[in-house]
Amino acid sequence: MNQKIWLSSPHMGGGEQKYINEAFESNWIAPLGPHVDHFELDLAAYTHVRYAAALSSGTAALHLALIMLGIKPGDEVICQSMTFSASANPIAYLGAIPIFVDSEKTTYNMCPEMLKLAIEDRLMKGKKPRAIIPVHLYGMPAQMDKIMEIANFYGIPVVEDAAEALGSRLNGISAGGFGLMGVLSFNGNKIITTSGGGALLSNNKYYIEKARFLATQARDPAPHYQHSQIGYNYRMSNISAGLGRGQMEVLDQHIEKHRSNYETYRLSFENLCGLSLLPEPPGYFSNRWLTTLYVNPALTGGVTKEDIIATLEEDNIECRPMWKPMHLQPVFHTSPSYLNGTADDLFRNGLCLPSGSNLSDQDLERVIYGVKKCF
C-alpha cells in the first residue's frame, strides 16, 4: 500500500528542538516559563494584536473569553453553525444557549444578513444575545467589516474563532484582531502546532491578564494558596511553548506552502466541470489551512463528494467532508437556528483535500490523480 497522505499533519521546521533542549537544560519542565512569555510576545507581534495569552487549547481560550464576558446559564450566544463543535461547546459549558447562524457563499462563514435577522428576532423575543462568535473557516476570514458593523450597532461583543486562521488577514488586519477577543489553536493539524495548545488575543490588557489569572487556577496573590474565584488549569507548558517558538520561525513558509497547494489544486481542476474551489475575494488573504473542494453532481455527470473521498481512501489518502453544521448535530438539535441553506449545501457537497505544508510534489500528484480518476 502507498504511504499515507494526511489531511494536515504536524511539520517541524528544525528550530523547535533547540527551545525544547533549553527547557530541559534549565529543568523548566512545567506550566509557564520563559518560553511561554516569549511565545506570547511572538504571537502578539505577528498578529499586530497588543496582547496574547498562551493556553492549553483554543477551546480553553474561547471558554475563558465567554467567562470574562459574564455569560451565565440561560444567556444566548450567537455562533456560526458551519464550524467544528469546539466553537459551540464552551457556550454549553456555561449553561448558555447557542443561537446558530448560517453561512454565506463568498467566504463560507457567518452571513451578515442572517446575523442581523437573528439578532432582531431574539430581541423581539425579549432576549438580547450576549456575544457573537464568527469563525474564520479553513483559514478564510469572515466578512468581519460587516459583522463588526452589525455587532457595534446592537452593542454585542464579538469573540473571533480564528483557530484555523493564524496568518490570515482582511484588509491588512489579522484574523483574531477585529473583535473584543480572538482565539487561536495550535492543535496537531493546524498551520503551526504546539502538539496541543491555543491562545487568546486582545487589544485590551485587562482581558489577557484576567485570562492568565483564571487559567492558572485563579490563585490570589497571597503567601498561601487562596482562591476567591473558580479557576482552571488552562495554561500552556514551557515545553509546548518551546515548540511554538520554533514553529513561529517557519510560519510564513508554512502559509506559503498551503497557498501553493491551493493554487496547484485550482489549476489542476479548473477544466473539470462541476468542481470548484473557494476564491479569495479582494482585500482577503487566507492562510489556506485546508483547501476545500465543492462538488456539484448535476455538472460532474453524477460524480459525488463521496465518490471522490472513497477513491482517495483506496489510495491511502486522508480526505474528509466539510464540517457538519452545528444545527445538524444531535447534541444541539434543540438550539434556535437561522438558516439559508448554505451550510447544509456545503456539508452535502464539500470536502477537504490534503493541504499540509509537508506535502511533496509526488503527494499532490497522487491526490490530483485520485480526483481525476473519478472522471
Protein backbone atom coordinates (compact mmCIF):
# COMPACT_ATOMS: atom_id res chain seq x y z
CA MET A 1 0.00 0.00 0.00
CA ASN A 2 1.19 3.52 -0.76
CA GLN A 3 2.39 5.70 2.11
CA LYS A 4 -0.37 7.55 3.95
CA ILE A 5 -1.07 11.12 2.88
CA TRP A 6 -2.60 13.03 5.78
CA LEU A 7 -5.02 15.92 5.59
CA SER A 8 -2.71 18.25 7.53
CA SER A 9 -0.02 16.68 9.69
CA PRO A 10 2.49 18.35 12.02
CA HIS A 11 5.50 19.82 10.24
CA MET A 12 8.59 20.70 12.26
CA GLY A 13 10.94 23.37 11.00
CA GLY A 14 14.11 22.35 12.82
CA GLY A 15 14.40 25.08 15.44
CA GLU A 16 11.90 23.51 17.82
CA GLN A 17 14.46 21.10 19.28
CA LYS A 18 16.70 23.98 20.35
CA TYR A 19 13.98 25.51 22.52
CA ILE A 20 12.96 22.14 23.94
CA ASN A 21 16.59 21.44 24.84
CA GLU A 22 16.77 24.81 26.58
CA ALA A 23 13.78 23.82 28.69
CA PHE A 24 15.43 20.51 29.59
CA GLU A 25 18.78 22.11 30.39
CA SER A 26 17.13 24.66 32.69
CA ASN A 27 14.81 21.97 34.14
CA TRP A 28 11.82 24.19 33.34
CA ILE A 29 9.54 21.23 32.59
CA ALA A 30 6.36 22.77 33.92
CA PRO A 31 3.45 25.02 33.07
CA LEU A 32 4.54 28.59 32.39
CA GLY A 33 8.15 29.60 32.00
CA PRO A 34 10.32 31.78 29.74
CA HIS A 35 9.23 30.07 26.52
CA VAL A 36 5.59 30.85 27.32
CA ASP A 37 6.45 34.52 27.82
CA HIS A 38 8.39 34.67 24.53
CA PHE A 39 5.74 32.77 22.62
CA GLU A 40 3.08 35.23 23.75
CA LEU A 41 5.22 38.14 22.60
CA ASP A 42 5.81 36.41 19.23
CA LEU A 43 2.07 35.89 18.72
CA ALA A 44 1.20 39.47 19.60
CA ALA A 45 3.90 40.84 17.29
CA TYR A 46 2.90 38.59 14.40
CA THR A 47 -0.83 39.32 14.58
CA HIS A 48 -0.38 43.02 15.44
CA VAL A 49 -2.68 42.49 18.40
CA ARG A 50 -1.34 44.06 21.57
CA TYR A 51 -1.59 41.12 23.97
CA ALA A 52 -1.69 37.32 23.89
CA ALA A 53 -2.15 34.59 26.49
CA ALA A 54 -0.83 31.12 25.63
CA LEU A 55 -3.25 28.44 26.83
CA SER A 56 -3.82 24.70 26.75
CA SER A 57 -6.22 24.81 23.78
CA GLY A 58 -8.28 27.08 21.59
CA THR A 59 -11.37 25.70 23.31
CA ALA A 60 -9.98 26.85 26.66
CA ALA A 61 -9.38 30.31 25.20
CA LEU A 62 -12.96 30.56 23.99
CA HIS A 63 -14.28 29.28 27.32
CA LEU A 64 -12.32 31.93 29.22
CA ALA A 65 -13.44 34.66 26.81
CA LEU A 66 -17.09 33.85 27.48
CA ILE A 67 -16.48 33.69 31.24
CA MET A 68 -14.93 37.15 31.15
CA LEU A 69 -17.94 38.46 29.23
CA GLY A 70 -20.08 37.29 32.13
CA ILE A 71 -22.02 34.64 30.20
CA LYS A 72 -24.41 32.88 32.57
CA PRO A 73 -26.88 29.96 32.35
CA GLY A 74 -29.79 30.87 30.13
CA ASP A 75 -27.92 33.60 28.25
CA GLU A 76 -27.92 33.42 24.46
CA VAL A 77 -24.72 33.45 22.40
CA ILE A 78 -24.75 33.62 18.61
CA CYS A 79 -22.39 31.15 16.95
CA GLN A 80 -21.59 30.28 13.37
CA SER A 81 -23.24 26.96 12.50
CA MET A 82 -20.68 25.87 9.89
CA THR A 83 -17.79 25.05 12.22
CA PHE A 84 -16.19 22.43 14.44
CA SER A 85 -18.00 21.71 17.72
CA ALA A 86 -15.27 23.42 19.77
CA SER A 87 -16.72 26.77 18.65
CA ALA A 88 -20.04 25.97 20.31
CA ASN A 89 -19.13 23.69 23.22
CA PRO A 90 -17.91 26.46 25.56
CA ILE A 91 -21.34 28.08 25.29
CA ALA A 92 -22.82 24.86 26.66
CA TYR A 93 -20.13 24.63 29.36
CA LEU A 94 -21.61 27.78 30.86
CA GLY A 95 -25.22 26.65 30.59
CA ALA A 96 -25.89 29.26 27.92
CA ILE A 97 -27.91 28.71 24.76
CA PRO A 98 -26.18 28.70 21.35
CA ILE A 99 -28.05 30.53 18.59
CA PHE A 100 -26.76 29.22 15.28
CA VAL A 101 -26.39 31.42 12.21
CA ASP A 102 -25.85 30.13 8.68
CA SER A 103 -23.05 30.97 6.25
CA GLU A 104 -22.70 32.96 3.04
CA LYS A 105 -21.13 31.62 -0.15
CA THR A 106 -18.34 34.18 -0.57
CA THR A 107 -16.26 33.00 2.40
CA TYR A 108 -18.32 30.05 3.77
CA ASN A 109 -18.50 31.99 7.06
CA MET A 110 -21.20 33.71 9.11
CA CYS A 111 -23.71 35.51 6.89
CA PRO A 112 -24.10 39.15 8.00
CA GLU A 113 -27.69 39.25 6.73
CA MET A 114 -28.65 36.16 8.73
CA LEU A 115 -26.77 37.55 11.73
CA LYS A 116 -28.85 40.73 11.67
CA LEU A 117 -32.04 38.73 11.24
CA ALA A 118 -31.12 36.51 14.21
CA ILE A 119 -30.35 39.47 16.48
CA GLU A 120 -33.57 41.27 15.62
CA ASP A 121 -35.63 38.12 16.13
CA ARG A 122 -34.02 37.39 19.51
CA LEU A 123 -34.69 40.99 20.56
CA MET A 124 -38.33 40.63 19.55
CA LYS A 125 -38.45 37.53 21.74
CA GLY A 126 -37.06 39.53 24.66
CA LYS A 127 -33.56 38.04 24.70
CA LYS A 128 -30.58 40.13 23.64
CA PRO A 129 -27.63 37.92 22.60
CA ARG A 130 -24.65 38.35 24.91
CA ALA A 131 -21.90 37.61 22.39
CA ILE A 132 -21.24 36.73 18.74
CA ILE A 133 -18.76 34.02 17.68
CA PRO A 134 -17.87 34.16 13.96
CA VAL A 135 -15.39 31.59 12.65
CA HIS A 136 -12.68 32.03 10.00
CA LEU A 137 -13.33 28.68 8.36
CA TYR A 138 -10.40 26.79 6.83
CA GLY A 139 -8.31 29.98 7.04
CA MET A 140 -10.64 32.26 5.05
CA PRO A 141 -11.54 35.38 7.04
CA ALA A 142 -15.23 36.02 7.64
CA GLN A 143 -16.81 39.28 6.46
CA MET A 144 -15.63 40.96 9.65
CA ASP A 145 -16.19 44.52 8.46
CA LYS A 146 -19.92 43.85 8.07
CA ILE A 147 -20.14 41.62 11.15
CA MET A 148 -18.46 44.24 13.34
CA GLU A 149 -20.74 46.96 11.99
CA ILE A 150 -23.79 44.93 13.00
CA ALA A 151 -22.32 43.93 16.36
CA ASN A 152 -21.40 47.52 17.22
CA PHE A 153 -24.84 48.79 16.19
CA TYR A 154 -26.54 46.41 18.62
CA GLY A 155 -23.82 46.65 21.29
CA ILE A 156 -22.88 42.96 21.29
CA PRO A 157 -19.25 41.91 21.88
CA VAL A 158 -17.52 39.73 19.27
CA VAL A 159 -15.15 36.85 20.04
CA GLU A 160 -13.45 35.65 16.85
CA ASP A 161 -12.75 31.97 16.45
CA ALA A 162 -9.54 32.24 14.42
CA ALA A 163 -8.44 28.73 15.38
CA GLU A 164 -7.86 27.85 11.72
CA ALA A 165 -6.69 31.26 10.55
CA LEU A 166 -3.35 32.26 12.06
CA GLY A 167 -1.70 34.42 9.39
CA SER A 168 -4.92 35.24 7.57
CA ARG A 169 -5.89 38.88 7.07
CA LEU A 170 -8.73 41.07 5.88
CA ASN A 171 -7.73 44.50 4.58
CA GLY A 172 -4.43 44.14 6.44
CA ILE A 173 -5.98 43.29 9.82
CA SER A 174 -5.16 39.87 11.23
CA ALA A 175 -7.86 37.31 11.87
CA GLY A 176 -8.48 37.47 15.60
CA GLY A 177 -7.82 41.22 15.73
CA PHE A 178 -11.27 42.59 14.89
CA GLY A 179 -13.35 41.60 17.90
CA LEU A 180 -13.00 42.23 21.60
CA MET A 181 -11.05 38.98 21.80
CA GLY A 182 -9.74 36.39 19.34
CA VAL A 183 -8.94 32.71 19.68
CA LEU A 184 -6.13 30.66 18.08
CA SER A 185 -5.48 26.92 18.06
CA PHE A 186 -2.18 25.04 17.83
CA ASN A 187 -3.63 21.56 17.61
CA GLY A 188 -1.52 18.98 15.77
CA ASN A 189 -3.25 19.59 12.43
CA LYS A 190 -3.13 23.40 12.43
CA ILE A 191 -0.88 25.71 10.38
CA ILE A 192 1.61 25.55 13.28
CA THR A 193 1.39 23.28 16.29
CA THR A 194 2.48 23.05 19.90
CA SER A 195 1.13 19.45 19.88
CA GLY A 196 -1.90 20.85 21.68
CA GLY A 197 -2.50 24.40 22.74
CA GLY A 198 -4.14 27.68 21.91
CA ALA A 199 -4.09 31.38 22.65
CA LEU A 200 -6.35 34.28 23.48
CA LEU A 201 -5.70 37.59 21.69
CA SER A 202 -6.92 41.04 22.66
CA ASN A 203 -6.02 44.70 22.43
CA ASN A 204 -7.49 45.02 25.92
CA LYS A 205 -4.84 44.30 28.55
CA TYR A 206 -7.44 43.53 31.23
CA TYR A 207 -8.85 40.54 29.37
CA ILE A 208 -5.45 38.96 28.82
CA GLU A 209 -4.33 39.47 32.41
CA LYS A 210 -7.66 38.12 33.66
CA ALA A 211 -7.39 35.13 31.32
CA ARG A 212 -3.92 34.30 32.63
CA PHE A 213 -5.22 34.54 36.20
CA LEU A 214 -8.24 32.31 35.60
CA ALA A 215 -6.14 29.84 33.58
CA THR A 216 -3.70 29.42 36.48
CA GLN A 217 -6.33 28.13 38.92
CA ALA A 218 -7.28 31.74 39.86
CA ARG A 219 -4.73 31.77 42.64
CA ASP A 220 -4.89 35.01 44.64
CA PRO A 221 -1.65 36.97 45.33
CA ALA A 222 -1.19 35.58 48.85
CA PRO A 223 1.66 33.72 50.61
CA HIS A 224 -0.62 30.70 50.93
CA TYR A 225 -2.93 29.04 48.44
CA GLN A 226 -6.03 31.21 48.37
CA HIS A 227 -8.80 31.30 45.78
CA SER A 228 -11.61 33.85 45.65
CA GLN A 229 -12.84 32.70 42.22
CA ILE A 230 -13.19 29.40 40.40
CA GLY A 231 -10.09 28.84 38.28
CA TYR A 232 -8.96 26.47 35.56
CA ASN A 233 -5.84 24.55 34.65
CA TYR A 234 -5.62 26.11 31.20
CA ARG A 235 -2.06 27.44 30.91
CA MET A 236 0.43 26.24 28.31
CA SER A 237 3.54 24.34 29.36
CA ASN A 238 7.06 25.66 28.83
CA ILE A 239 7.82 22.63 26.62
CA SER A 240 4.80 23.25 24.37
CA ALA A 241 5.65 26.92 24.12
CA GLY A 242 9.18 25.96 23.07
CA LEU A 243 7.65 24.03 20.19
CA GLY A 244 5.56 27.10 19.39
CA ARG A 245 8.59 29.40 19.29
CA GLY A 246 10.27 27.12 16.77
CA GLN A 247 7.08 26.88 14.71
CA MET A 248 6.71 30.67 14.59
CA GLU A 249 10.06 30.81 12.80
CA VAL A 250 8.62 28.84 9.87
CA LEU A 251 5.01 30.08 9.96
CA ASP A 252 5.33 32.22 6.85
CA GLN A 253 6.91 29.29 4.99
CA HIS A 254 4.03 27.06 6.05
CA ILE A 255 1.48 29.60 4.83
CA GLU A 256 3.29 29.95 1.51
CA LYS A 257 3.19 26.17 1.01
CA HIS A 258 -0.51 25.91 1.97
CA ARG A 259 -1.31 28.66 -0.52
CA SER A 260 0.82 26.94 -3.15
CA ASN A 261 -1.10 23.70 -2.55
CA TYR A 262 -4.35 25.55 -3.17
CA GLU A 263 -3.05 27.05 -6.41
CA THR A 264 -1.85 23.66 -7.64
CA TYR A 265 -5.27 22.15 -7.00
CA ARG A 266 -7.02 25.12 -8.62
CA LEU A 267 -5.02 24.84 -11.83
CA SER A 268 -5.38 21.06 -11.90
CA PHE A 269 -9.16 21.04 -11.55
CA GLU A 270 -10.15 24.19 -13.45
CA ASN A 271 -11.21 22.22 -16.53
CA LEU A 272 -13.18 19.57 -14.62
CA CYS A 273 -16.83 20.50 -14.88
CA GLY A 274 -18.68 20.64 -11.57
CA LEU A 275 -15.65 21.13 -9.31
CA SER A 276 -14.92 24.49 -7.69
CA LEU A 277 -12.52 25.89 -5.11
CA LEU A 278 -13.22 28.91 -2.90
CA PRO A 279 -11.61 32.02 -4.44
CA GLU A 280 -10.01 34.78 -2.40
CA PRO A 281 -12.11 37.99 -2.55
CA PRO A 282 -10.38 41.39 -2.95
CA GLY A 283 -8.80 42.51 0.32
CA TYR A 284 -8.69 38.97 1.72
CA PHE A 285 -5.58 36.93 2.49
CA SER A 286 -6.20 33.33 3.53
CA ASN A 287 -3.56 31.04 5.00
CA ARG A 288 -5.38 28.28 3.06
CA TRP A 289 -5.09 25.96 6.05
CA LEU A 290 -7.26 23.45 4.19
CA THR A 291 -8.18 23.54 0.53
CA THR A 292 -11.87 22.75 0.12
CA LEU A 293 -13.45 21.28 -3.00
CA TYR A 294 -17.12 21.80 -3.85
CA VAL A 295 -18.66 19.05 -5.97
CA ASN A 296 -21.82 19.70 -7.98
CA PRO A 297 -23.16 16.28 -9.07
CA ALA A 298 -25.52 17.93 -11.55
CA LEU A 299 -22.47 19.12 -13.51
CA THR A 300 -19.99 16.30 -12.84
CA GLY A 301 -22.03 13.64 -14.60
CA GLY A 302 -23.12 12.22 -11.27
CA VAL A 303 -19.74 12.14 -9.52
CA THR A 304 -20.30 12.98 -5.84
CA LYS A 305 -18.08 14.04 -2.98
CA GLU A 306 -18.49 10.52 -1.56
CA ASP A 307 -17.09 9.06 -4.79
CA ILE A 308 -14.00 11.26 -4.53
CA ILE A 309 -13.46 10.54 -0.84
CA ALA A 310 -13.79 6.79 -1.41
CA THR A 311 -11.39 6.84 -4.36
CA LEU A 312 -8.76 8.76 -2.41
CA GLU A 313 -9.14 6.49 0.62
CA GLU A 314 -8.47 3.48 -1.61
CA ASP A 315 -5.04 5.01 -2.25
CA ASN A 316 -4.46 5.66 1.47
CA ILE A 317 -5.16 9.40 1.15
CA GLU A 318 -7.00 11.11 4.01
CA CYS A 319 -9.91 13.21 2.81
CA ARG A 320 -12.83 14.50 4.88
CA PRO A 321 -16.23 16.10 4.32
CA MET A 322 -16.53 19.74 5.28
CA TRP A 323 -17.72 20.37 8.84
CA LYS A 324 -21.16 19.06 9.72
CA PRO A 325 -23.07 22.21 10.75
CA MET A 326 -23.88 22.62 14.42
CA HIS A 327 -27.61 22.90 13.75
CA LEU A 328 -27.48 19.33 12.38
CA GLN A 329 -25.60 17.92 15.37
CA PRO A 330 -27.68 15.71 17.71
CA VAL A 331 -26.30 17.47 20.78
CA PHE A 332 -27.56 20.87 19.55
CA HIS A 333 -30.76 19.82 17.76
CA THR A 334 -32.97 21.94 20.06
CA SER A 335 -30.95 25.14 19.66
CA PRO A 336 -32.52 28.02 17.70
CA SER A 337 -31.06 28.36 14.20
CA TYR A 338 -31.30 30.97 11.45
CA LEU A 339 -30.68 29.23 8.16
CA ASN A 340 -30.45 29.97 4.45
CA GLY A 341 -29.34 26.53 3.25
CA THR A 342 -25.66 27.36 2.62
CA ALA A 343 -24.16 25.27 5.42
CA ASP A 344 -26.34 22.29 4.56
CA ASP A 345 -25.23 22.53 0.91
CA LEU A 346 -21.54 22.81 1.81
CA PHE A 347 -21.77 19.79 4.10
CA ARG A 348 -23.64 17.81 1.46
CA ASN A 349 -21.26 18.61 -1.40
CA GLY A 350 -17.99 19.89 0.07
CA LEU A 351 -14.80 18.07 1.04
CA CYS A 352 -11.33 18.93 2.33
CA LEU A 353 -8.22 17.90 0.41
CA PRO A 354 -4.78 17.15 1.90
CA SER A 355 -3.18 20.57 2.42
CA GLY A 356 -0.23 20.22 4.80
CA SER A 357 2.94 22.24 4.44
CA ASN A 358 4.95 18.99 4.29
CA LEU A 359 3.19 17.61 1.19
CA SER A 360 5.63 16.69 -1.56
CA ASP A 361 5.05 17.23 -5.27
CA GLN A 362 4.51 13.49 -5.55
CA ASP A 363 1.88 13.61 -2.80
CA LEU A 364 -0.01 16.34 -4.63
CA GLU A 365 0.19 14.36 -7.87
CA ARG A 366 -1.35 11.33 -6.16
CA VAL A 367 -4.23 13.40 -4.77
CA ILE A 368 -4.86 15.09 -8.12
CA TYR A 369 -4.71 11.76 -9.95
CA GLY A 370 -7.20 10.28 -7.48
CA VAL A 371 -9.70 13.09 -8.02
CA LYS A 372 -9.35 12.96 -11.81
CA LYS A 373 -9.72 9.18 -11.75
CA CYS A 374 -13.35 9.72 -10.72
CA PHE A 375 -13.97 11.46 -14.04
